[in-house]
Amino acid sequence: MTRKEIKAQAARYTKMVEWSDEDQCFIGRCPEIMGGGVHGQDEAKVYAELCQAVEEMIELIHADGQELPELLSAKKFSGKFVLRVEPALHRRLAAKALAAGESLNGYCAKTLGKA
């Protein structure tokens, strides 16, 4: 497999770089390809290192004769999922939603969207 083909495959995978207050640095992840990630103080450098790590993982997967993981962008999502929480948390969320003048679903969706 050529370097160009590997780069093209790597470009299709989800890559995220986020600041971690806990680690006090940027953390770069590609959830479809790698369990871990890369980290550093410079966001752009972390992204570049992440891209390189994804390319290396793709090379290893191919060398082992394995299939590449399904792309997150290729998966179909219904927009629904069940979330089980303790009754006390359910009650608090319902109270907060009521106080905000929103449905529980709307309140939780908005809150999760901010996370």
C-alpha atoms as a PDB file:
ATOM      1  CA  MET A   1       0.000   0.000   0.000  1.00  0.00           C
ATOM      2  CA  THR A   2       1.398   3.388  -0.971  1.00  0.00           C
ATOM      3  CA  ARG A   3       1.893   6.317   1.396  1.00  0.00           C
ATOM      4  CA  LYS A   4      -0.727   8.262  -0.597  1.00  0.00           C
ATOM      5  CA  GLU A   5      -3.307   5.465  -0.159  1.00  0.00           C
ATOM      6  CA  ILE A   6      -2.613   5.249   3.565  1.00  0.00           C
ATOM      7  CA  LYS A   7      -3.000   9.031   3.947  1.00  0.00           C
ATOM      8  CA  ALA A   8      -6.279   8.900   2.007  1.00  0.00           C
ATOM      9  CA  GLN A   9      -7.638   6.150   4.263  1.00  0.00           C
ATOM     10  CA  ALA A  10      -6.464   7.927   7.429  1.00  0.00           C
ATOM     11  CA  ALA A  11      -8.159  11.160   6.356  1.00  0.00           C
ATOM     12  CA  ARG A  12     -11.558   9.447   6.495  1.00  0.00           C
ATOM     13  CA  TYR A  13     -11.358   8.616  10.212  1.00  0.00           C
ATOM     14  CA  THR A  14     -12.661  10.879  12.987  1.00  0.00           C
ATOM     15  CA  LYS A  15      -9.946  12.806  14.781  1.00  0.00           C
ATOM     16  CA  MET A  16     -10.554  14.944  17.861  1.00  0.00           C
ATOM     17  CA  VAL A  17      -8.193  17.229  19.734  1.00  0.00           C
ATOM     18  CA  GLU A  18      -9.514  18.598  23.013  1.00  0.00           C
ATOM     19  CA  TRP A  19      -8.075  20.397  26.010  1.00  0.00           C
ATOM     20  CA  SER A  20      -7.955  18.282  29.184  1.00  0.00           C
ATOM     21  CA  ASP A  21      -8.180  20.237  32.435  1.00  0.00           C
ATOM     22  CA  GLU A  22      -7.185  17.072  34.293  1.00  0.00           C
ATOM     23  CA  ASP A  23      -4.005  16.543  32.246  1.00  0.00           C
ATOM     24  CA  GLN A  24      -3.367  20.248  31.516  1.00  0.00           C
ATOM     25  CA  CYS A  25      -2.657  19.534  27.856  1.00  0.00           C
ATOM     26  CA  PHE A  26      -4.350  18.804  24.548  1.00  0.00           C
ATOM     27  CA  ILE A  27      -5.380  15.192  23.976  1.00  0.00           C
ATOM     28  CA  GLY A  28      -5.790  13.864  20.431  1.00  0.00           C
ATOM     29  CA  ARG A  29      -7.906  10.755  19.787  1.00  0.00           C
ATOM     30  CA  CYS A  30      -9.194   8.690  16.890  1.00  0.00           C
ATOM     31  CA  PRO A  31     -11.841   6.464  18.518  1.00  0.00           C
ATOM     32  CA  GLU A  32     -12.302   4.134  15.552  1.00  0.00           C
ATOM     33  CA  ILE A  33      -8.597   3.270  15.234  1.00  0.00           C
ATOM     34  CA  MET A  34      -6.854   3.781  18.589  1.00  0.00           C
ATOM     35  CA  GLY A  35      -7.795   3.210  22.205  1.00  0.00           C
ATOM     36  CA  GLY A  36      -5.210   5.708  23.421  1.00  0.00           C
ATOM     37  CA  GLY A  37      -4.164   9.010  22.022  1.00  0.00           C
ATOM     38  CA  VAL A  38      -1.451  11.617  21.734  1.00  0.00           C
ATOM     39  CA  HIS A  39      -0.947  14.659  23.922  1.00  0.00           C
ATOM     40  CA  GLY A  40       0.948  17.930  24.108  1.00  0.00           C
ATOM     41  CA  GLN A  41       0.771  21.658  24.716  1.00  0.00           C
ATOM     42  CA  ASP A  42       0.381  22.759  21.087  1.00  0.00           C
ATOM     43  CA  GLU A  43      -3.008  21.928  19.561  1.00  0.00           C
ATOM     44  CA  ALA A  44      -1.748  21.944  15.968  1.00  0.00           C
ATOM     45  CA  LYS A  45       1.226  19.718  16.809  1.00  0.00           C
ATOM     46  CA  VAL A  46      -1.045  17.279  18.652  1.00  0.00           C
ATOM     47  CA  TYR A  47      -3.294  17.092  15.595  1.00  0.00           C
ATOM     48  CA  ALA A  48      -0.314  16.470  13.299  1.00  0.00           C
ATOM     49  CA  GLU A  49       0.995  13.734  15.626  1.00  0.00           C
ATOM     50  CA  LEU A  50      -2.486  12.209  15.775  1.00  0.00           C
ATOM     51  CA  CYS A  51      -2.697  12.079  11.987  1.00  0.00           C
ATOM     52  CA  GLN A  52       0.712  10.379  11.868  1.00  0.00           C
ATOM     53  CA  ALA A  53      -0.326   7.869  14.567  1.00  0.00           C
ATOM     54  CA  VAL A  54      -3.514   7.005  12.658  1.00  0.00           C
ATOM     55  CA  GLU A  55      -1.509   6.420   9.489  1.00  0.00           C
ATOM     56  CA  GLU A  56       0.872   4.146  11.411  1.00  0.00           C
ATOM     57  CA  MET A  57      -2.049   2.202  12.893  1.00  0.00           C
ATOM     58  CA  ILE A  58      -3.534   1.720   9.409  1.00  0.00           C
ATOM     59  CA  GLU A  59      -0.181   0.400   8.194  1.00  0.00           C
ATOM     60  CA  LEU A  60      -0.052  -2.064  11.114  1.00  0.00           C
ATOM     61  CA  ILE A  61      -3.622  -3.214  10.539  1.00  0.00           C
ATOM     62  CA  HIS A  62      -2.881  -3.841   6.862  1.00  0.00           C
ATOM     63  CA  ALA A  63       0.411  -5.598   7.694  1.00  0.00           C
ATOM     64  CA  ASP A  64      -1.469  -7.928  10.057  1.00  0.00           C
ATOM     65  CA  GLY A  65      -3.978  -8.721   7.297  1.00  0.00           C
ATOM     66  CA  GLN A  66      -6.851  -7.330   9.362  1.00  0.00           C
ATOM     67  CA  GLU A  67      -9.867  -5.329   8.194  1.00  0.00           C
ATOM     68  CA  LEU A  68      -9.933  -1.623   8.949  1.00  0.00           C
ATOM     69  CA  PRO A  69     -12.583  -0.576  11.480  1.00  0.00           C
ATOM     70  CA  GLU A  70     -15.862   0.819  10.163  1.00  0.00           C
ATOM     71  CA  LEU A  71     -15.849   4.578   9.732  1.00  0.00           C
ATOM     72  CA  LEU A  72     -17.984   6.434  12.261  1.00  0.00           C
ATOM     73  CA  SER A  73     -19.315   8.543   9.391  1.00  0.00           C
ATOM     74  CA  ALA A  74     -20.538   5.370   7.640  1.00  0.00           C
ATOM     75  CA  LYS A  75     -22.587   4.148  10.607  1.00  0.00           C
ATOM     76  CA  LYS A  76     -26.304   4.892  10.727  1.00  0.00           C
ATOM     77  CA  PHE A  77     -27.631   6.441  13.925  1.00  0.00           C
ATOM     78  CA  SER A  78     -31.324   6.590  14.837  1.00  0.00           C
ATOM     79  CA  GLY A  79     -31.022   9.576  17.143  1.00  0.00           C
ATOM     80  CA  LYS A  80     -32.410   7.512  20.030  1.00  0.00           C
ATOM     81  CA  PHE A  81     -30.655   5.723  22.851  1.00  0.00           C
ATOM     82  CA  VAL A  82     -31.647   4.531  26.301  1.00  0.00           C
ATOM     83  CA  LEU A  83     -29.756   5.963  29.224  1.00  0.00           C
ATOM     84  CA  ARG A  84     -30.131   4.326  32.616  1.00  0.00           C
ATOM     85  CA  VAL A  85     -29.488   6.524  35.637  1.00  0.00           C
ATOM     86  CA  GLU A  86     -30.229   6.251  39.330  1.00  0.00           C
ATOM     87  CA  PRO A  87     -33.739   7.393  40.329  1.00  0.00           C
ATOM     88  CA  ALA A  88     -32.342  10.319  42.350  1.00  0.00           C
ATOM     89  CA  LEU A  89     -30.520  11.663  39.274  1.00  0.00           C
ATOM     90  CA  HIS A  90     -33.652  11.159  37.164  1.00  0.00           C
ATOM     91  CA  ARG A  91     -35.613  13.215  39.704  1.00  0.00           C
ATOM     92  CA  ARG A  92     -32.987  16.019  39.757  1.00  0.00           C
ATOM     93  CA  LEU A  93     -32.892  16.173  35.960  1.00  0.00           C
ATOM     94  CA  ALA A  94     -36.691  16.275  35.780  1.00  0.00           C
ATOM     95  CA  ALA A  95     -36.726  19.133  38.318  1.00  0.00           C
ATOM     96  CA  LYS A  96     -34.073  21.078  36.397  1.00  0.00           C
ATOM     97  CA  ALA A  97     -35.952  20.573  33.140  1.00  0.00           C
ATOM     98  CA  LEU A  98     -39.184  21.765  34.745  1.00  0.00           C
ATOM     99  CA  ALA A  99     -37.427  24.831  36.193  1.00  0.00           C
ATOM    100  CA  ALA A 100     -35.990  25.608  32.745  1.00  0.00           C
ATOM    101  CA  GLY A 101     -39.437  25.236  31.146  1.00  0.00           C
ATOM    102  CA  GLU A 102     -38.240  22.352  28.989  1.00  0.00           C
ATOM    103  CA  SER A 103     -39.111  18.716  28.510  1.00  0.00           C
ATOM    104  CA  LEU A 104     -36.797  16.224  30.199  1.00  0.00           C
ATOM    105  CA  ASN A 105     -35.674  15.002  26.779  1.00  0.00           C
ATOM    106  CA  GLY A 106     -34.993  18.530  25.528  1.00  0.00           C
ATOM    107  CA  TYR A 107     -33.121  19.476  28.688  1.00  0.00           C
ATOM    108  CA  CYS A 108     -30.944  16.347  28.596  1.00  0.00           C
ATOM    109  CA  ALA A 109     -30.252  16.703  24.854  1.00  0.00           C
ATOM    110  CA  LYS A 110     -29.183  20.329  25.342  1.00  0.00           C
ATOM    111  CA  THR A 111     -27.012  19.409  28.336  1.00  0.00           C
ATOM    112  CA  LEU A 112     -25.356  16.512  26.503  1.00  0.00           C
ATOM    113  CA  GLY A 113     -24.759  18.763  23.491  1.00  0.00           C
ATOM    114  CA  LYS A 114     -22.735  21.101  25.681  1.00  0.00           C
ATOM    115  CA  ALA A 115     -20.541  18.260  26.970  1.00  0.00           C
END
